[in-house]
């Protein structure tokens, strides 16, 4: 914490982001690690998110790596499926990609959690869907009077929503306007206030 506070002061960050990366560092070679000295990299930099006028999300052809292959309950550097999905979304003029898990349930975005509103209830994929439990996702219940249901959902559940939104610690709550896949675009109504 002291190093992070010092870096924030040195970089004169008033509104921004901090990122802490911990690796196994220098030591053994190969997959077995022992007697390694961990390496910690800390970044702190000014950041202000300016949202696009229209938020389109893209249903990626890439699947979320399941939790029985790699842990999905915390961020790690094995994010190739998210990197590929984000590139795929960008190629299709979309802000974010949504990944399904290997059972074809909605998981999450490349760097966001997804929610949708229907019948005065908010729905979001649970950890059983291999979704990363995001900070904004965990705290949303503190800010809304709506009931929140976390479960496993198919893409059809999202497409019948009254409205939908993404959450991410960098941009908070971001309404979704359109949903796209390789051959279809669906309009999603503007997000009504939820807090």
Foldseek 3Di string as FASTA:
>chain_A
DVVQVVQCVVQVEDAWDKDKDKDQADDDDDDDDDPGDIDIDMDTHYDDDDDDPAAEEEAFPQADEDCVVPNLQDDDPPLVSLVVQCVVCVVVVHDWYWHFHPVQWTAAISAWWKWFADPQAIETEDCNRSHHCAPLNVCVVVPFPGHYDYHTHHVVVVLPGQWMWIAHPNPGTGTHQWYYYPPDIGGHDTDDDGD
